[in-house]
Amino acid sequence: RAAQLVKGILAVIVIYAIAEQIHL
């Protein structure tokens, strides 16, 4: 189950980085 956890955390980090770049 931890594998799915890691994927979820990486998805949140990617969304956060994109949102920071385009000022959302």
PDB file of all heavy atoms in Angstrom:
ATOM      1  N   ARG A   1       0.823  -1.203   0.000  1.00  0.00           N
ATOM      2  CA  ARG A   1       0.000   0.000   0.000  1.00  0.00           C
ATOM      3  C   ARG A   1       0.857   1.254   0.000  1.00  0.00           C
ATOM      4  O   ARG A   1       0.452   2.300  -0.490  1.00  0.00           O
ATOM      5  CB  ARG A   1      -0.913   0.011   1.231  1.00  0.00           C
ATOM      6  CG  ARG A   1      -2.028  -0.996   1.206  1.00  0.00           C
ATOM      7  CD  ARG A   1      -3.076  -0.642   2.232  1.00  0.00           C
ATOM      8  NE  ARG A   1      -2.483  -0.507   3.557  1.00  0.00           N
ATOM      9  CZ  ARG A   1      -3.075   0.137   4.565  1.00  0.00           C
ATOM     10  NH1 ARG A   1      -4.233   0.720   4.388  1.00  0.00           N
ATOM     11  NH2 ARG A   1      -2.491   0.199   5.747  1.00  0.00           N
ATOM     12  N   ALA A   2       2.065   1.156   0.548  1.00  0.00           N
ATOM     13  CA  ALA A   2       2.953   2.310   0.599  1.00  0.00           C
ATOM     14  C   ALA A   2       3.346   2.769  -0.800  1.00  0.00           C
ATOM     15  O   ALA A   2       3.651   3.955  -1.014  1.00  0.00           O
ATOM     16  CB  ALA A   2       4.196   1.978   1.416  1.00  0.00           C
ATOM     17  N   ALA A   3       3.344   1.852  -1.778  1.00  0.00           N
ATOM     18  CA  ALA A   3       3.661   2.246  -3.152  1.00  0.00           C
ATOM     19  C   ALA A   3       2.625   3.236  -3.673  1.00  0.00           C
ATOM     20  O   ALA A   3       2.964   4.221  -4.339  1.00  0.00           O
ATOM     21  CB  ALA A   3       3.727   1.006  -4.044  1.00  0.00           C
ATOM     22  N   GLN A   4       1.358   2.982  -3.385  1.00  0.00           N
ATOM     23  CA  GLN A   4       0.307   3.920  -3.783  1.00  0.00           C
ATOM     24  C   GLN A   4       0.457   5.242  -3.032  1.00  0.00           C
ATOM     25  O   GLN A   4       0.180   6.318  -3.576  1.00  0.00           O
ATOM     26  CB  GLN A   4      -1.072   3.307  -3.493  1.00  0.00           C
ATOM     27  CG  GLN A   4      -1.308   1.969  -4.190  1.00  0.00           C
ATOM     28  CD  GLN A   4      -1.159   2.083  -5.699  1.00  0.00           C
ATOM     29  OE1 GLN A   4      -1.630   3.031  -6.312  1.00  0.00           O
ATOM     30  NE2 GLN A   4      -0.499   1.103  -6.303  1.00  0.00           N
ATOM     31  N   LEU A   5       0.897   5.173  -1.785  1.00  0.00           N
ATOM     32  CA  LEU A   5       1.132   6.381  -1.001  1.00  0.00           C
ATOM     33  C   LEU A   5       2.192   7.250  -1.657  1.00  0.00           C
ATOM     34  O   LEU A   5       2.035   8.469  -1.793  1.00  0.00           O
ATOM     35  CB  LEU A   5       1.553   5.989   0.415  1.00  0.00           C
ATOM     36  CG  LEU A   5       2.150   7.092   1.303  1.00  0.00           C
ATOM     37  CD1 LEU A   5       1.114   8.168   1.570  1.00  0.00           C
ATOM     38  CD2 LEU A   5       2.673   6.515   2.593  1.00  0.00           C
ATOM     39  N   VAL A   6       3.295   6.637  -2.072  1.00  0.00           N
ATOM     40  CA  VAL A   6       4.379   7.393  -2.706  1.00  0.00           C
ATOM     41  C   VAL A   6       3.896   8.040  -3.998  1.00  0.00           C
ATOM     42  O   VAL A   6       4.204   9.209  -4.275  1.00  0.00           O
ATOM     43  CB  VAL A   6       5.582   6.460  -2.980  1.00  0.00           C
ATOM     44  CG1 VAL A   6       6.637   7.179  -3.815  1.00  0.00           C
ATOM     45  CG2 VAL A   6       6.186   5.978  -1.673  1.00  0.00           C
ATOM     46  N   LYS A   7       3.115   7.299  -4.788  1.00  0.00           N
ATOM     47  CA  LYS A   7       2.574   7.869  -6.026  1.00  0.00           C
ATOM     48  C   LYS A   7       1.687   9.078  -5.735  1.00  0.00           C
ATOM     49  O   LYS A   7       1.731  10.093  -6.439  1.00  0.00           O
ATOM     50  CB  LYS A   7       1.768   6.807  -6.784  1.00  0.00           C
ATOM     51  CG  LYS A   7       2.613   5.674  -7.352  1.00  0.00           C
ATOM     52  CD  LYS A   7       1.739   4.634  -8.030  1.00  0.00           C
ATOM     53  CE  LYS A   7       2.564   3.458  -8.532  1.00  0.00           C
ATOM     54  NZ  LYS A   7       1.702   2.405  -9.153  1.00  0.00           N
ATOM     55  N   GLY A   8       0.860   8.970  -4.684  1.00  0.00           N
ATOM     56  CA  GLY A   8      -0.012  10.086  -4.326  1.00  0.00           C
ATOM     57  C   GLY A   8       0.770  11.317  -3.898  1.00  0.00           C
ATOM     58  O   GLY A   8       0.442  12.449  -4.290  1.00  0.00           O
ATOM     59  N   ILE A   9       1.829  11.118  -3.104  1.00  0.00           N
ATOM     60  CA  ILE A   9       2.650  12.242  -2.658  1.00  0.00           C
ATOM     61  C   ILE A   9       3.341  12.910  -3.843  1.00  0.00           C
ATOM     62  O   ILE A   9       3.389  14.148  -3.942  1.00  0.00           O
ATOM     63  CB  ILE A   9       3.691  11.762  -1.623  1.00  0.00           C
ATOM     64  CG1 ILE A   9       2.987  11.333  -0.335  1.00  0.00           C
ATOM     65  CG2 ILE A   9       4.709  12.857  -1.317  1.00  0.00           C
ATOM     66  CD1 ILE A   9       3.920  10.721   0.695  1.00  0.00           C
ATOM     67  N   LEU A  10       3.863  12.099  -4.769  1.00  0.00           N
ATOM     68  CA  LEU A  10       4.514  12.658  -5.955  1.00  0.00           C
ATOM     69  C   LEU A  10       3.528  13.456  -6.797  1.00  0.00           C
ATOM     70  O   LEU A  10       3.870  14.522  -7.337  1.00  0.00           O
ATOM     71  CB  LEU A  10       5.132  11.529  -6.791  1.00  0.00           C
ATOM     72  CG  LEU A  10       6.343  10.821  -6.179  1.00  0.00           C
ATOM     73  CD1 LEU A  10       6.790   9.663  -7.062  1.00  0.00           C
ATOM     74  CD2 LEU A  10       7.501  11.801  -5.987  1.00  0.00           C
ATOM     75  N   ALA A  11       2.277  12.964  -6.904  1.00  0.00           N
ATOM     76  CA  ALA A  11       1.256  13.693  -7.664  1.00  0.00           C
ATOM     77  C   ALA A  11       0.962  15.049  -7.028  1.00  0.00           C
ATOM     78  O   ALA A  11       0.836  16.068  -7.722  1.00  0.00           O
ATOM     79  CB  ALA A  11      -0.020  12.855  -7.761  1.00  0.00           C
ATOM     80  N   VAL A  12       0.853  15.086  -5.700  1.00  0.00           N
ATOM     81  CA  VAL A  12       0.601  16.348  -4.996  1.00  0.00           C
ATOM     82  C   VAL A  12       1.757  17.325  -5.203  1.00  0.00           C
ATOM     83  O   VAL A  12       1.557  18.527  -5.437  1.00  0.00           O
ATOM     84  CB  VAL A  12       0.370  16.085  -3.489  1.00  0.00           C
ATOM     85  CG1 VAL A  12       0.325  17.404  -2.720  1.00  0.00           C
ATOM     86  CG2 VAL A  12      -0.928  15.321  -3.283  1.00  0.00           C
ATOM     87  N   ILE A  13       2.993  16.817  -5.148  1.00  0.00           N
ATOM     88  CA  ILE A  13       4.171  17.682  -5.351  1.00  0.00           C
ATOM     89  C   ILE A  13       4.193  18.256  -6.754  1.00  0.00           C
ATOM     90  O   ILE A  13       4.483  19.447  -6.960  1.00  0.00           O
ATOM     91  CB  ILE A  13       5.458  16.886  -5.056  1.00  0.00           C
ATOM     92  CG1 ILE A  13       5.544  16.552  -3.567  1.00  0.00           C
ATOM     93  CG2 ILE A  13       6.690  17.675  -5.481  1.00  0.00           C
ATOM     94  CD1 ILE A  13       6.695  15.633  -3.209  1.00  0.00           C
ATOM     95  N   VAL A  14       3.865  17.423  -7.753  1.00  0.00           N
ATOM     96  CA  VAL A  14       3.843  17.899  -9.143  1.00  0.00           C
ATOM     97  C   VAL A  14       2.777  18.975  -9.326  1.00  0.00           C
ATOM     98  O   VAL A  14       3.021  20.024  -9.946  1.00  0.00           O
ATOM     99  CB  VAL A  14       3.605  16.717 -10.108  1.00  0.00           C
ATOM    100  CG1 VAL A  14       3.324  17.223 -11.518  1.00  0.00           C
ATOM    101  CG2 VAL A  14       4.811  15.786 -10.103  1.00  0.00           C
ATOM    102  N   ILE A  15       1.581  18.726  -8.781  1.00  0.00           N
ATOM    103  CA  ILE A  15       0.498  19.729  -8.897  1.00  0.00           C
ATOM    104  C   ILE A  15       0.901  21.032  -8.216  1.00  0.00           C
ATOM    105  O   ILE A  15       0.667  22.127  -8.736  1.00  0.00           O
ATOM    106  CB  ILE A  15      -0.798  19.167  -8.285  1.00  0.00           C
ATOM    107  CG1 ILE A  15      -1.311  17.983  -9.115  1.00  0.00           C
ATOM    108  CG2 ILE A  15      -1.874  20.250  -8.204  1.00  0.00           C
ATOM    109  CD1 ILE A  15      -2.469  17.245  -8.492  1.00  0.00           C
ATOM    110  N   TYR A  16       1.528  20.915  -7.046  1.00  0.00           N
ATOM    111  CA  TYR A  16       1.972  22.110  -6.314  1.00  0.00           C
ATOM    112  C   TYR A  16       3.010  22.892  -7.114  1.00  0.00           C
ATOM    113  O   TYR A  16       2.960  24.133  -7.196  1.00  0.00           O
ATOM    114  CB  TYR A  16       2.543  21.698  -4.959  1.00  0.00           C
ATOM    115  CG  TYR A  16       3.168  22.820  -4.178  1.00  0.00           C
ATOM    116  CD1 TYR A  16       2.386  23.870  -3.698  1.00  0.00           C
ATOM    117  CD2 TYR A  16       4.538  22.851  -3.930  1.00  0.00           C
ATOM    118  CE1 TYR A  16       2.956  24.911  -2.977  1.00  0.00           C
ATOM    119  CE2 TYR A  16       5.113  23.880  -3.211  1.00  0.00           C
ATOM    120  CZ  TYR A  16       4.318  24.907  -2.740  1.00  0.00           C
ATOM    121  OH  TYR A  16       4.878  25.937  -2.045  1.00  0.00           O
ATOM    122  N   ALA A  17       3.969  22.178  -7.735  1.00  0.00           N
ATOM    123  CA  ALA A  17       5.004  22.852  -8.521  1.00  0.00           C
ATOM    124  C   ALA A  17       4.407  23.561  -9.733  1.00  0.00           C
ATOM    125  O   ALA A  17       4.777  24.709 -10.052  1.00  0.00           O
ATOM    126  CB  ALA A  17       6.058  21.832  -8.971  1.00  0.00           C
ATOM    127  N   ILE A  18       3.465  22.903 -10.399  1.00  0.00           N
ATOM    128  CA  ILE A  18       2.821  23.528 -11.567  1.00  0.00           C
ATOM    129  C   ILE A  18       2.017  24.746 -11.147  1.00  0.00           C
ATOM    130  O   ILE A  18       2.065  25.804 -11.791  1.00  0.00           O
ATOM    131  CB  ILE A  18       1.922  22.501 -12.293  1.00  0.00           C
ATOM    132  CG1 ILE A  18       2.773  21.383 -12.893  1.00  0.00           C
ATOM    133  CG2 ILE A  18       1.091  23.185 -13.376  1.00  0.00           C
ATOM    134  CD1 ILE A  18       1.973  20.244 -13.484  1.00  0.00           C
ATOM    135  N   ALA A  19       1.274  24.611 -10.046  1.00  0.00           N
ATOM    136  CA  ALA A  19       0.467  25.734  -9.558  1.00  0.00           C
ATOM    137  C   ALA A  19       1.340  26.930  -9.182  1.00  0.00           C
ATOM    138  O   ALA A  19       0.981  28.094  -9.416  1.00  0.00           O
ATOM    139  CB  ALA A  19      -0.370  25.285  -8.366  1.00  0.00           C
ATOM    140  N   GLU A  20       2.509  26.669  -8.611  1.00  0.00           N
ATOM    141  CA  GLU A  20       3.433  27.746  -8.256  1.00  0.00           C
ATOM    142  C   GLU A  20       3.963  28.437  -9.501  1.00  0.00           C
ATOM    143  O   GLU A  20       4.099  29.667  -9.526  1.00  0.00           O
ATOM    144  CB  GLU A  20       4.591  27.187  -7.423  1.00  0.00           C
ATOM    145  CG  GLU A  20       4.230  26.910  -5.973  1.00  0.00           C
ATOM    146  CD  GLU A  20       4.117  28.196  -5.170  1.00  0.00           C
ATOM    147  OE1 GLU A  20       5.062  29.004  -5.178  1.00  0.00           O
ATOM    148  OE2 GLU A  20       3.061  28.405  -4.554  1.00  0.00           O
ATOM    149  N   GLN A  21       4.244  27.666 -10.543  1.00  0.00           N
ATOM    150  CA  GLN A  21       4.814  28.238 -11.756  1.00  0.00           C
ATOM    151  C   GLN A  21       3.830  29.125 -12.504  1.00  0.00           C
ATOM    152  O   GLN A  21       4.215  30.158 -13.057  1.00  0.00           O
ATOM    153  CB  GLN A  21       5.296  27.102 -12.684  1.00  0.00           C
ATOM    154  CG  GLN A  21       6.538  26.393 -12.200  1.00  0.00           C
ATOM    155  CD  GLN A  21       7.760  27.310 -12.177  1.00  0.00           C
ATOM    156  OE1 GLN A  21       7.957  28.119 -13.075  1.00  0.00           O
ATOM    157  NE2 GLN A  21       8.569  27.169 -11.136  1.00  0.00           N
ATOM    158  N   ILE A  22       2.563  28.736 -12.534  1.00  0.00           N
ATOM    159  CA  ILE A  22       1.570  29.533 -13.291  1.00  0.00           C
ATOM    160  C   ILE A  22       0.712  30.402 -12.367  1.00  0.00           C
ATOM    161  O   ILE A  22      -0.322  30.926 -12.775  1.00  0.00           O
ATOM    162  CB  ILE A  22       0.676  28.615 -14.153  1.00  0.00           C
ATOM    163  CG1 ILE A  22      -0.096  27.614 -13.284  1.00  0.00           C
ATOM    164  CG2 ILE A  22       1.519  27.869 -15.180  1.00  0.00           C
ATOM    165  CD1 ILE A  22      -1.021  26.702 -14.073  1.00  0.00           C
ATOM    166  N   HIS A  23       1.158  30.518 -11.077  1.00  0.00           N
ATOM    167  CA  HIS A  23       0.562  31.453 -10.124  1.00  0.00           C
ATOM    168  C   HIS A  23      -0.920  31.162  -9.834  1.00  0.00           C
ATOM    169  O   HIS A  23      -1.747  32.074  -9.812  1.00  0.00           O
ATOM    170  CB  HIS A  23       0.709  32.900 -10.618  1.00  0.00           C
ATOM    171  CG  HIS A  23       2.135  33.265 -10.918  1.00  0.00           C
ATOM    172  ND1 HIS A  23       3.101  33.374  -9.945  1.00  0.00           N
ATOM    173  CD2 HIS A  23       2.752  33.518 -12.108  1.00  0.00           C
ATOM    174  CE1 HIS A  23       4.260  33.696 -10.507  1.00  0.00           C
ATOM    175  NE2 HIS A  23       4.081  33.784 -11.831  1.00  0.00           N
ATOM    176  N   LEU A  24      -1.235  29.887  -9.619  1.00  0.00           N
ATOM    177  CA  LEU A  24      -2.570  29.514  -9.159  1.00  0.00           C
ATOM    178  C   LEU A  24      -2.535  29.514  -7.632  1.00  0.00           C
ATOM    179  O   LEU A  24      -2.249  28.506  -6.988  1.00  0.00           O
ATOM    180  CB  LEU A  24      -2.967  28.138  -9.703  1.00  0.00           C
ATOM    181  CG  LEU A  24      -3.036  28.005 -11.230  1.00  0.00           C
ATOM    182  CD1 LEU A  24      -3.361  26.577 -11.633  1.00  0.00           C
ATOM    183  CD2 LEU A  24      -4.078  28.965 -11.809  1.00  0.00           C
TER     184      LEU A  24
END
